[in-house]
Amino acid sequence: MVIQLRTKISSLEKRKYIFGYLMILPALVFFTVFVVYPSLDAVRLSLSFWHGYGERTFVGLRNYINLFHDPVFWTALKNNLIFTLTTTILQTIIPMVLAAMLARNTFLNTLFRVTYFIPNVISFIITGTLWALIFEPNFGLLNTLLEKVGLASLKQLWLADSKWAFLCIVLVSLWQSMGFYLVIFYAGLQRIPKEIYEAASVDGANTLKKFFFITVPLLRPVTTVVVIINVIGGFKVFDLIWAMTTGGPNHATEVMATYLYTIAFGSIGTGTPRMGYAAAIGMMILIFSVIASIVQLRIWEVDNLEY
């Protein structure tokens, strides 16, 4: 009797496993066909010479070796690092401070949270196009406004000047993404017990001390997530820069993704595509993103152990 019961239970468990695998099979097939296979094919493509038509020619590591002798690639990598570092710092500190300020559950603060989040709903292409029109030197809103208020001397060729183009892109990125990270930090703040702040108030702690000694340490896991998202987004940024400057002027805002697009599809529709070389750039974007994320996770683990 006991043996029969065990057999029935074992058979039931096997059916559950089979049923579970059948349920995830469509998603697994979809993921394999549209994610795993293209990723593996991109690795193979990065080791080949191909114009996008005809047969591929295996060239080994030649594309990667050429990358290290390509001055434009080094310029793009430098811009990626600067953009990633700048946006990660700004898009971590500013949303955290704003979330702490808007933590009170009032109607006005809810209105502000919605207002801050609205730009995140707009796609990066639309955002880039909109701000490119605002920064347009002849009829753009910014220069027109400066002229109207008597500050015509401050008018600039914003996106056509290498001194200002990169800064403009960073500011637009901050405007676009700040609401998203603010919501993440605000959600993290809701998990901090109010009793901790009340106890700190009893001990005489002011607002700044509460922020630096309670809010910041207890938001460390959330901050790690925000930093990792920022780092990955910084290395693969494309659409915003392409819509605003297409990597110009003179590669001043060129990043690896815009350079990849130019190499793969020609400079705005002209030139000979080099798909293998572009795939090698894509692999470098992936490698840098993974390395940066792993380093950040290791740093957080060490800090968490010390804490």
C-alpha atoms as a PDB file:
ATOM      1  CA  MET A   1       0.000   0.000   0.000  1.00  0.00           C
ATOM      2  CA  VAL A   2       2.771   2.405   0.936  1.00  0.00           C
ATOM      3  CA  ILE A   3       4.680   1.529  -2.230  1.00  0.00           C
ATOM      4  CA  GLN A   4       1.595   2.167  -4.380  1.00  0.00           C
ATOM      5  CA  LEU A   5       1.016   5.528  -2.662  1.00  0.00           C
ATOM      6  CA  ARG A   6       4.631   6.575  -3.255  1.00  0.00           C
ATOM      7  CA  THR A   7       4.334   5.535  -6.891  1.00  0.00           C
ATOM      8  CA  LYS A   8       1.185   7.645  -7.333  1.00  0.00           C
ATOM      9  CA  ILE A   9       2.848  10.673  -5.681  1.00  0.00           C
ATOM     10  CA  SER A  10       5.934  10.251  -7.845  1.00  0.00           C
ATOM     11  CA  SER A  11       3.777   9.989 -10.977  1.00  0.00           C
ATOM     12  CA  LEU A  12       1.827  13.102  -9.953  1.00  0.00           C
ATOM     13  CA  GLU A  13       5.038  15.055  -9.380  1.00  0.00           C
ATOM     14  CA  LYS A  14       6.360  14.011 -12.801  1.00  0.00           C
ATOM     15  CA  ARG A  15       3.137  15.217 -14.437  1.00  0.00           C
ATOM     16  CA  LYS A  16       3.454  18.547 -12.633  1.00  0.00           C
ATOM     17  CA  TYR A  17       7.038  18.927 -13.866  1.00  0.00           C
ATOM     18  CA  ILE A  18       6.040  18.024 -17.426  1.00  0.00           C
ATOM     19  CA  PHE A  19       3.095  20.424 -17.306  1.00  0.00           C
ATOM     20  CA  GLY A  20       5.349  23.188 -15.963  1.00  0.00           C
ATOM     21  CA  TYR A  21       7.935  22.657 -18.707  1.00  0.00           C
ATOM     22  CA  LEU A  22       5.195  22.686 -21.357  1.00  0.00           C
ATOM     23  CA  MET A  23       3.950  26.015 -19.984  1.00  0.00           C
ATOM     24  CA  ILE A  24       7.358  27.695 -20.245  1.00  0.00           C
ATOM     25  CA  LEU A  25       8.224  26.041 -23.574  1.00  0.00           C
ATOM     26  CA  PRO A  26       6.725  28.815 -25.808  1.00  0.00           C
ATOM     27  CA  ALA A  27       8.605  31.525 -23.887  1.00  0.00           C
ATOM     28  CA  LEU A  28      11.786  29.433 -23.951  1.00  0.00           C
ATOM     29  CA  VAL A  29      11.518  28.936 -27.720  1.00  0.00           C
ATOM     30  CA  PHE A  30      10.835  32.652 -28.238  1.00  0.00           C
ATOM     31  CA  PHE A  31      13.814  33.593 -26.041  1.00  0.00           C
ATOM     32  CA  THR A  32      16.108  31.140 -27.830  1.00  0.00           C
ATOM     33  CA  VAL A  33      15.105  32.233 -31.334  1.00  0.00           C
ATOM     34  CA  PHE A  34      15.065  35.991 -30.747  1.00  0.00           C
ATOM     35  CA  VAL A  35      17.707  36.446 -28.020  1.00  0.00           C
ATOM     36  CA  VAL A  36      20.092  33.520 -27.639  1.00  0.00           C
ATOM     37  CA  TYR A  37      20.618  32.738 -31.332  1.00  0.00           C
ATOM     38  CA  PRO A  38      21.068  36.411 -32.434  1.00  0.00           C
ATOM     39  CA  SER A  39      23.541  36.939 -29.568  1.00  0.00           C
ATOM     40  CA  LEU A  40      25.617  33.908 -30.552  1.00  0.00           C
ATOM     41  CA  ASP A  41      25.408  34.911 -34.211  1.00  0.00           C
ATOM     42  CA  ALA A  42      26.633  38.401 -33.296  1.00  0.00           C
ATOM     43  CA  VAL A  43      29.720  36.843 -31.711  1.00  0.00           C
ATOM     44  CA  ARG A  44      30.333  34.840 -34.896  1.00  0.00           C
ATOM     45  CA  LEU A  45      29.705  37.931 -37.012  1.00  0.00           C
ATOM     46  CA  SER A  46      32.279  39.925 -35.032  1.00  0.00           C
ATOM     47  CA  LEU A  47      34.873  37.396 -36.174  1.00  0.00           C
ATOM     48  CA  SER A  48      33.918  37.823 -39.828  1.00  0.00           C
ATOM     49  CA  PHE A  49      34.165  40.295 -42.697  1.00  0.00           C
ATOM     50  CA  TRP A  50      30.751  40.964 -44.227  1.00  0.00           C
ATOM     51  CA  HIS A  51      29.101  43.853 -46.076  1.00  0.00           C
ATOM     52  CA  GLY A  52      25.577  42.707 -45.221  1.00  0.00           C
ATOM     53  CA  TYR A  53      25.181  40.739 -48.420  1.00  0.00           C
ATOM     54  CA  GLY A  54      27.004  37.791 -49.956  1.00  0.00           C
ATOM     55  CA  GLU A  55      29.067  35.296 -48.010  1.00  0.00           C
ATOM     56  CA  ARG A  56      30.856  36.010 -44.755  1.00  0.00           C
ATOM     57  CA  THR A  57      34.629  35.729 -44.587  1.00  0.00           C
ATOM     58  CA  PHE A  58      36.121  34.510 -41.318  1.00  0.00           C
ATOM     59  CA  VAL A  59      38.893  36.896 -40.193  1.00  0.00           C
ATOM     60  CA  GLY A  60      39.388  35.838 -36.568  1.00  0.00           C
ATOM     61  CA  LEU A  61      40.312  38.660 -34.216  1.00  0.00           C
ATOM     62  CA  ARG A  62      41.187  41.118 -36.981  1.00  0.00           C
ATOM     63  CA  ASN A  63      38.133  43.316 -36.285  1.00  0.00           C
ATOM     64  CA  TYR A  64      39.082  43.594 -32.606  1.00  0.00           C
ATOM     65  CA  ILE A  65      42.716  44.345 -33.460  1.00  0.00           C
ATOM     66  CA  ASN A  66      41.588  47.084 -35.858  1.00  0.00           C
ATOM     67  CA  LEU A  67      39.447  48.570 -33.100  1.00  0.00           C
ATOM     68  CA  PHE A  68      42.507  49.216 -30.953  1.00  0.00           C
ATOM     69  CA  HIS A  69      44.093  51.142 -33.844  1.00  0.00           C
ATOM     70  CA  ASP A  70      40.955  53.157 -34.603  1.00  0.00           C
ATOM     71  CA  PRO A  71      41.149  56.722 -33.172  1.00  0.00           C
ATOM     72  CA  VAL A  72      37.400  57.276 -33.626  1.00  0.00           C
ATOM     73  CA  PHE A  73      36.655  54.205 -31.520  1.00  0.00           C
ATOM     74  CA  TRP A  74      38.880  55.518 -28.722  1.00  0.00           C
ATOM     75  CA  THR A  75      37.120  58.878 -28.915  1.00  0.00           C
ATOM     76  CA  ALA A  76      33.755  57.116 -28.739  1.00  0.00           C
ATOM     77  CA  LEU A  77      34.910  55.009 -25.783  1.00  0.00           C
ATOM     78  CA  LYS A  78      36.165  58.103 -23.956  1.00  0.00           C
ATOM     79  CA  ASN A  79      32.839  59.862 -24.551  1.00  0.00           C
ATOM     80  CA  ASN A  80      30.987  56.769 -23.317  1.00  0.00           C
ATOM     81  CA  LEU A  81      33.015  56.722 -20.111  1.00  0.00           C
ATOM     82  CA  ILE A  82      32.512  60.452 -19.491  1.00  0.00           C
ATOM     83  CA  PHE A  83      28.786  60.217 -20.261  1.00  0.00           C
ATOM     84  CA  THR A  84      28.353  57.137 -18.062  1.00  0.00           C
ATOM     85  CA  LEU A  85      30.259  58.626 -15.129  1.00  0.00           C
ATOM     86  CA  THR A  86      28.498  62.001 -15.335  1.00  0.00           C
ATOM     87  CA  THR A  87      24.961  60.682 -15.784  1.00  0.00           C
ATOM     88  CA  THR A  88      25.420  57.973 -13.141  1.00  0.00           C
ATOM     89  CA  ILE A  89      26.475  60.530 -10.541  1.00  0.00           C
ATOM     90  CA  LEU A  90      23.791  63.085 -11.425  1.00  0.00           C
ATOM     91  CA  GLN A  91      20.997  60.555 -11.995  1.00  0.00           C
ATOM     92  CA  THR A  92      21.712  58.922  -8.648  1.00  0.00           C
ATOM     93  CA  ILE A  93      22.253  61.883  -6.339  1.00  0.00           C
ATOM     94  CA  ILE A  94      19.563  64.252  -7.661  1.00  0.00           C
ATOM     95  CA  PRO A  95      16.679  61.698  -7.739  1.00  0.00           C
ATOM     96  CA  MET A  96      17.649  60.463  -4.265  1.00  0.00           C
ATOM     97  CA  VAL A  97      17.509  63.986  -2.838  1.00  0.00           C
ATOM     98  CA  LEU A  98      14.246  64.758  -4.627  1.00  0.00           C
ATOM     99  CA  ALA A  99      12.685  61.493  -3.435  1.00  0.00           C
ATOM    100  CA  ALA A 100      13.635  62.322   0.146  1.00  0.00           C
ATOM    101  CA  MET A 101      12.089  65.785  -0.241  1.00  0.00           C
ATOM    102  CA  LEU A 102       8.888  64.360  -1.751  1.00  0.00           C
ATOM    103  CA  ALA A 103       8.539  61.531   0.754  1.00  0.00           C
ATOM    104  CA  ARG A 104       5.671  63.215   2.557  1.00  0.00           C
ATOM    105  CA  ASN A 105       2.346  61.824   1.440  1.00  0.00           C
ATOM    106  CA  THR A 106       0.581  65.022   0.394  1.00  0.00           C
ATOM    107  CA  PHE A 107      -1.349  65.903  -2.751  1.00  0.00           C
ATOM    108  CA  LEU A 108       1.199  68.515  -3.802  1.00  0.00           C
ATOM    109  CA  ASN A 109       4.084  66.064  -3.546  1.00  0.00           C
ATOM    110  CA  THR A 110       2.103  63.489  -5.536  1.00  0.00           C
ATOM    111  CA  LEU A 111       1.604  66.110  -8.219  1.00  0.00           C
ATOM    112  CA  PHE A 112       5.341  66.807  -8.297  1.00  0.00           C
ATOM    113  CA  ARG A 113       6.148  63.089  -8.590  1.00  0.00           C
ATOM    114  CA  VAL A 114       3.827  62.776 -11.579  1.00  0.00           C
ATOM    115  CA  THR A 115       5.331  65.908 -13.136  1.00  0.00           C
ATOM    116  CA  TYR A 116       8.874  64.597 -12.757  1.00  0.00           C
ATOM    117  CA  PHE A 117       7.900  61.221 -14.245  1.00  0.00           C
ATOM    118  CA  ILE A 118       6.119  62.569 -17.345  1.00  0.00           C
ATOM    119  CA  PRO A 119       9.329  63.073 -19.430  1.00  0.00           C
ATOM    120  CA  ASN A 120      10.185  59.394 -18.928  1.00  0.00           C
ATOM    121  CA  VAL A 121       7.035  58.426 -20.828  1.00  0.00           C
ATOM    122  CA  ILE A 122       8.353  60.147 -23.969  1.00  0.00           C
ATOM    123  CA  SER A 123      10.652  58.055 -26.160  1.00  0.00           C
ATOM    124  CA  PHE A 124      14.311  59.054 -26.427  1.00  0.00           C
ATOM    125  CA  ILE A 125      13.985  59.716 -30.172  1.00  0.00           C
ATOM    126  CA  ILE A 126      11.111  62.170 -29.644  1.00  0.00           C
ATOM    127  CA  THR A 127      12.948  63.746 -26.702  1.00  0.00           C
ATOM    128  CA  GLY A 128      16.125  64.152 -28.755  1.00  0.00           C
ATOM    129  CA  THR A 129      14.238  65.645 -31.697  1.00  0.00           C
ATOM    130  CA  LEU A 130      12.327  68.036 -29.431  1.00  0.00           C
ATOM    131  CA  TRP A 131      15.453  69.297 -27.675  1.00  0.00           C
ATOM    132  CA  ALA A 132      17.364  69.527 -30.953  1.00  0.00           C
ATOM    133  CA  LEU A 133      14.708  72.015 -32.075  1.00  0.00           C
ATOM    134  CA  ILE A 134      14.985  73.886 -28.767  1.00  0.00           C
ATOM    135  CA  PHE A 135      18.779  74.155 -29.143  1.00  0.00           C
ATOM    136  CA  GLU A 136      18.559  75.108 -32.846  1.00  0.00           C
ATOM    137  CA  PRO A 137      20.720  78.274 -33.167  1.00  0.00           C
ATOM    138  CA  ASN A 138      18.579  80.267 -35.645  1.00  0.00           C
ATOM    139  CA  PHE A 139      14.957  79.763 -34.589  1.00  0.00           C
ATOM    140  CA  GLY A 140      15.298  77.534 -31.531  1.00  0.00           C
ATOM    141  CA  LEU A 141      13.407  78.392 -28.357  1.00  0.00           C
ATOM    142  CA  LEU A 142      16.503  78.783 -26.166  1.00  0.00           C
ATOM    143  CA  ASN A 143      18.334  81.354 -28.300  1.00  0.00           C
ATOM    144  CA  THR A 144      15.072  83.149 -29.038  1.00  0.00           C
ATOM    145  CA  LEU A 145      14.297  83.394 -25.323  1.00  0.00           C
ATOM    146  CA  LEU A 146      17.805  84.659 -24.540  1.00  0.00           C
ATOM    147  CA  GLU A 147      17.403  87.357 -27.165  1.00  0.00           C
ATOM    148  CA  LYS A 148      13.962  88.372 -25.878  1.00  0.00           C
ATOM    149  CA  VAL A 149      15.219  88.881 -22.308  1.00  0.00           C
ATOM    150  CA  GLY A 150      18.238  90.907 -23.408  1.00  0.00           C
ATOM    151  CA  LEU A 151      20.855  88.150 -23.091  1.00  0.00           C
ATOM    152  CA  ALA A 152      21.682  87.825 -26.787  1.00  0.00           C
ATOM    153  CA  SER A 153      25.384  87.681 -25.906  1.00  0.00           C
ATOM    154  CA  LEU A 154      24.774  84.234 -24.367  1.00  0.00           C
ATOM    155  CA  LYS A 155      23.424  82.750 -27.596  1.00  0.00           C
ATOM    156  CA  GLN A 156      25.443  79.737 -28.767  1.00  0.00           C
ATOM    157  CA  LEU A 157      25.572  77.170 -31.540  1.00  0.00           C
ATOM    158  CA  TRP A 158      24.608  74.700 -28.839  1.00  0.00           C
ATOM    159  CA  LEU A 159      24.690  71.375 -30.680  1.00  0.00           C
ATOM    160  CA  ALA A 160      27.108  72.533 -33.380  1.00  0.00           C
ATOM    161  CA  ASP A 161      29.772  73.599 -30.885  1.00  0.00           C
ATOM    162  CA  SER A 162      31.928  70.815 -29.421  1.00  0.00           C
ATOM    163  CA  LYS A 163      32.217  72.786 -26.157  1.00  0.00           C
ATOM    164  CA  TRP A 164      28.465  72.728 -25.546  1.00  0.00           C
ATOM    165  CA  ALA A 165      27.054  69.724 -27.443  1.00  0.00           C
ATOM    166  CA  PHE A 166      28.075  67.066 -24.917  1.00  0.00           C
ATOM    167  CA  LEU A 167      26.838  69.120 -21.954  1.00  0.00           C
ATOM    168  CA  CYS A 168      23.478  69.643 -23.669  1.00  0.00           C
ATOM    169  CA  ILE A 169      23.077  65.898 -24.178  1.00  0.00           C
ATOM    170  CA  VAL A 170      23.881  65.177 -20.519  1.00  0.00           C
ATOM    171  CA  LEU A 171      21.307  67.737 -19.345  1.00  0.00           C
ATOM    172  CA  VAL A 172      18.637  66.329 -21.659  1.00  0.00           C
ATOM    173  CA  SER A 173      19.399  62.797 -20.453  1.00  0.00           C
ATOM    174  CA  LEU A 174      18.987  63.994 -16.861  1.00  0.00           C
ATOM    175  CA  TRP A 175      15.666  65.663 -17.715  1.00  0.00           C
ATOM    176  CA  GLN A 176      14.419  62.517 -19.454  1.00  0.00           C
ATOM    177  CA  SER A 177      15.441  59.879 -16.901  1.00  0.00           C
ATOM    178  CA  MET A 178      15.255  61.641 -13.560  1.00  0.00           C
ATOM    179  CA  GLY A 179      11.600  60.741 -12.922  1.00  0.00           C
ATOM    180  CA  PHE A 180      12.243  57.020 -13.420  1.00  0.00           C
ATOM    181  CA  TYR A 181      14.999  56.892 -10.805  1.00  0.00           C
ATOM    182  CA  LEU A 182      13.037  59.181  -8.500  1.00  0.00           C
ATOM    183  CA  VAL A 183      10.209  56.615  -8.428  1.00  0.00           C
ATOM    184  CA  ILE A 184      12.692  53.825  -7.623  1.00  0.00           C
ATOM    185  CA  PHE A 185      14.180  55.785  -4.720  1.00  0.00           C
ATOM    186  CA  TYR A 186      10.725  56.823  -3.530  1.00  0.00           C
ATOM    187  CA  ALA A 187       9.668  53.161  -3.423  1.00  0.00           C
ATOM    188  CA  GLY A 188      12.819  52.366  -1.440  1.00  0.00           C
ATOM    189  CA  LEU A 189      12.032  55.115   1.051  1.00  0.00           C
ATOM    190  CA  GLN A 190       8.640  53.551   1.780  1.00  0.00           C
ATOM    191  CA  ARG A 191      10.426  50.476   3.168  1.00  0.00           C
ATOM    192  CA  ILE A 192      12.363  52.447   5.774  1.00  0.00           C
ATOM    193  CA  PRO A 193      10.479  52.282   9.111  1.00  0.00           C
ATOM    194  CA  LYS A 194       9.277  55.686  10.280  1.00  0.00           C
ATOM    195  CA  GLU A 195      10.204  54.728  13.840  1.00  0.00           C
ATOM    196  CA  ILE A 196      13.888  55.129  12.935  1.00  0.00           C
ATOM    197  CA  TYR A 197      13.347  58.756  11.932  1.00  0.00           C
ATOM    198  CA  GLU A 198      11.218  59.381  15.021  1.00  0.00           C
ATOM    199  CA  ALA A 199      13.932  57.959  17.262  1.00  0.00           C
ATOM    200  CA  ALA A 200      16.519  60.141  15.518  1.00  0.00           C
ATOM    201  CA  SER A 201      14.324  63.204  16.090  1.00  0.00           C
ATOM    202  CA  VAL A 202      14.121  62.366  19.795  1.00  0.00           C
ATOM    203  CA  ASP A 203      17.924  62.217  19.870  1.00  0.00           C
ATOM    204  CA  GLY A 204      18.083  65.691  18.330  1.00  0.00           C
ATOM    205  CA  ALA A 205      19.054  64.782  14.741  1.00  0.00           C
ATOM    206  CA  ASN A 206      18.188  67.423  12.159  1.00  0.00           C
ATOM    207  CA  THR A 207      17.024  66.815   8.569  1.00  0.00           C
ATOM    208  CA  LEU A 208      20.538  66.637   7.100  1.00  0.00           C
ATOM    209  CA  LYS A 209      21.755  64.144   9.692  1.00  0.00           C
ATOM    210  CA  LYS A 210      18.699  61.965   9.109  1.00  0.00           C
ATOM    211  CA  PHE A 211      19.387  62.012   5.385  1.00  0.00           C
ATOM    212  CA  PHE A 212      23.112  61.176   5.565  1.00  0.00           C
ATOM    213  CA  PHE A 213      23.032  58.744   8.495  1.00  0.00           C
ATOM    214  CA  ILE A 214      19.681  57.014   7.951  1.00  0.00           C
ATOM    215  CA  THR A 215      18.321  57.518   4.427  1.00  0.00           C
ATOM    216  CA  VAL A 216      21.545  57.087   2.447  1.00  0.00           C
ATOM    217  CA  PRO A 217      22.788  53.931   4.256  1.00  0.00           C
ATOM    218  CA  LEU A 218      19.388  52.214   4.224  1.00  0.00           C
ATOM    219  CA  LEU A 219      18.908  53.011   0.531  1.00  0.00           C
ATOM    220  CA  ARG A 220      22.196  51.296  -0.363  1.00  0.00           C
ATOM    221  CA  PRO A 221      20.567  48.280  -2.116  1.00  0.00           C
ATOM    222  CA  VAL A 222      18.315  50.605  -4.135  1.00  0.00           C
ATOM    223  CA  THR A 223      21.268  52.832  -4.970  1.00  0.00           C
ATOM    224  CA  THR A 224      23.159  49.803  -6.286  1.00  0.00           C
ATOM    225  CA  VAL A 225      20.301  48.952  -8.651  1.00  0.00           C
ATOM    226  CA  VAL A 226      20.083  52.557  -9.856  1.00  0.00           C
ATOM    227  CA  VAL A 227      23.835  52.745 -10.447  1.00  0.00           C
ATOM    228  CA  ILE A 228      23.891  49.476 -12.407  1.00  0.00           C
ATOM    229  CA  ILE A 229      20.972  50.593 -14.594  1.00  0.00           C
ATOM    230  CA  ASN A 230      22.726  53.915 -15.193  1.00  0.00           C
ATOM    231  CA  VAL A 231      26.032  52.257 -16.067  1.00  0.00           C
ATOM    232  CA  ILE A 232      24.450  49.842 -18.542  1.00  0.00           C
ATOM    233  CA  GLY A 233      22.363  52.649 -20.041  1.00  0.00           C
ATOM    234  CA  GLY A 234      25.419  54.895 -20.286  1.00  0.00           C
ATOM    235  CA  PHE A 235      27.416  52.342 -22.285  1.00  0.00           C
ATOM    236  CA  LYS A 236      24.595  51.528 -24.701  1.00  0.00           C
ATOM    237  CA  VAL A 237      23.200  55.062 -25.127  1.00  0.00           C
ATOM    238  CA  PHE A 238      22.299  55.700 -28.744  1.00  0.00           C
ATOM    239  CA  ASP A 239      18.910  57.106 -29.693  1.00  0.00           C
ATOM    240  CA  LEU A 240      19.111  60.349 -27.714  1.00  0.00           C
ATOM    241  CA  ILE A 241      22.536  61.244 -29.115  1.00  0.00           C
ATOM    242  CA  TRP A 242      21.659  60.153 -32.632  1.00  0.00           C
ATOM    243  CA  ALA A 243      18.501  62.275 -32.647  1.00  0.00           C
ATOM    244  CA  MET A 244      20.337  65.356 -31.338  1.00  0.00           C
ATOM    245  CA  THR A 245      23.783  65.319 -32.981  1.00  0.00           C
ATOM    246  CA  THR A 246      24.320  61.980 -34.819  1.00  0.00           C
ATOM    247  CA  GLY A 247      27.652  61.881 -32.977  1.00  0.00           C
ATOM    248  CA  GLY A 248      28.910  65.295 -34.119  1.00  0.00           C
ATOM    249  CA  PRO A 249      30.260  67.838 -34.330  1.00  0.00           C
ATOM    250  CA  ASN A 250      33.542  66.223 -35.413  1.00  0.00           C
ATOM    251  CA  HIS A 251      32.886  63.149 -33.193  1.00  0.00           C
ATOM    252  CA  ALA A 252      32.553  65.365 -30.092  1.00  0.00           C
ATOM    253  CA  THR A 253      29.468  63.403 -28.981  1.00  0.00           C
ATOM    254  CA  GLU A 254      30.322  60.134 -30.716  1.00  0.00           C
ATOM    255  CA  VAL A 255      29.740  57.076 -28.544  1.00  0.00           C
ATOM    256  CA  MET A 256      30.240  53.392 -29.311  1.00  0.00           C
ATOM    257  CA  ALA A 257      26.595  52.791 -30.268  1.00  0.00           C
ATOM    258  CA  THR A 258      26.436  55.723 -32.721  1.00  0.00           C
ATOM    259  CA  TYR A 259      29.768  54.677 -34.213  1.00  0.00           C
ATOM    260  CA  LEU A 260      28.429  51.115 -34.516  1.00  0.00           C
ATOM    261  CA  TYR A 261      25.368  52.396 -36.393  1.00  0.00           C
ATOM    262  CA  THR A 262      27.484  54.503 -38.723  1.00  0.00           C
ATOM    263  CA  ILE A 263      29.800  51.577 -39.497  1.00  0.00           C
ATOM    264  CA  ALA A 264      26.957  49.084 -39.970  1.00  0.00           C
ATOM    265  CA  PHE A 265      24.645  51.174 -42.133  1.00  0.00           C
ATOM    266  CA  GLY A 266      26.958  53.789 -43.599  1.00  0.00           C
ATOM    267  CA  SER A 267      27.237  57.432 -42.627  1.00  0.00           C
ATOM    268  CA  ILE A 268      23.581  58.505 -42.821  1.00  0.00           C
ATOM    269  CA  GLY A 269      22.834  56.164 -45.686  1.00  0.00           C
ATOM    270  CA  THR A 270      26.146  56.405 -47.566  1.00  0.00           C
ATOM    271  CA  GLY A 271      29.334  54.390 -47.501  1.00  0.00           C
ATOM    272  CA  THR A 272      29.957  50.646 -47.454  1.00  0.00           C
ATOM    273  CA  PRO A 273      28.502  48.732 -44.492  1.00  0.00           C
ATOM    274  CA  ARG A 274      30.979  46.758 -42.381  1.00  0.00           C
ATOM    275  CA  MET A 275      28.784  44.453 -40.349  1.00  0.00           C
ATOM    276  CA  GLY A 276      31.603  42.416 -38.820  1.00  0.00           C
ATOM    277  CA  TYR A 277      33.412  45.495 -37.554  1.00  0.00           C
ATOM    278  CA  ALA A 278      30.144  46.896 -36.177  1.00  0.00           C
ATOM    279  CA  ALA A 279      29.441  43.577 -34.421  1.00  0.00           C
ATOM    280  CA  ALA A 280      32.888  43.785 -32.793  1.00  0.00           C
ATOM    281  CA  ILE A 281      31.957  47.231 -31.434  1.00  0.00           C
ATOM    282  CA  GLY A 282      28.702  45.743 -30.130  1.00  0.00           C
ATOM    283  CA  MET A 283      30.648  43.034 -28.323  1.00  0.00           C
ATOM    284  CA  MET A 284      32.851  45.699 -26.725  1.00  0.00           C
ATOM    285  CA  ILE A 285      29.730  47.522 -25.490  1.00  0.00           C
ATOM    286  CA  LEU A 286      28.515  44.262 -23.949  1.00  0.00           C
ATOM    287  CA  ILE A 287      31.901  43.513 -22.356  1.00  0.00           C
ATOM    288  CA  PHE A 288      32.258  46.973 -20.808  1.00  0.00           C
ATOM    289  CA  SER A 289      28.681  46.881 -19.478  1.00  0.00           C
ATOM    290  CA  VAL A 290      29.157  43.465 -17.876  1.00  0.00           C
ATOM    291  CA  ILE A 291      32.530  44.381 -16.353  1.00  0.00           C
ATOM    292  CA  ALA A 292      31.194  47.646 -14.917  1.00  0.00           C
ATOM    293  CA  SER A 293      28.153  45.880 -13.438  1.00  0.00           C
ATOM    294  CA  ILE A 294      30.250  43.113 -11.862  1.00  0.00           C
ATOM    295  CA  VAL A 295      32.656  45.652 -10.351  1.00  0.00           C
ATOM    296  CA  GLN A 296      29.751  47.625  -8.904  1.00  0.00           C
ATOM    297  CA  LEU A 297      28.179  44.478  -7.430  1.00  0.00           C
ATOM    298  CA  ARG A 298      31.501  43.446  -5.869  1.00  0.00           C
ATOM    299  CA  ILE A 299      31.971  46.900  -4.354  1.00  0.00           C
ATOM    300  CA  TRP A 300      28.436  46.797  -2.947  1.00  0.00           C
ATOM    301  CA  GLU A 301      29.015  43.328  -1.446  1.00  0.00           C
ATOM    302  CA  VAL A 302      32.189  44.525   0.302  1.00  0.00           C
ATOM    303  CA  ASP A 303      30.488  47.680   1.583  1.00  0.00           C
ATOM    304  CA  ASN A 304      27.486  45.656   2.738  1.00  0.00           C
ATOM    305  CA  LEU A 305      29.720  43.260   4.704  1.00  0.00           C
ATOM    306  CA  GLU A 306      31.499  46.187   6.363  1.00  0.00           C
ATOM    307  CA  TYR A 307      28.182  47.848   7.091  1.00  0.00           C
END
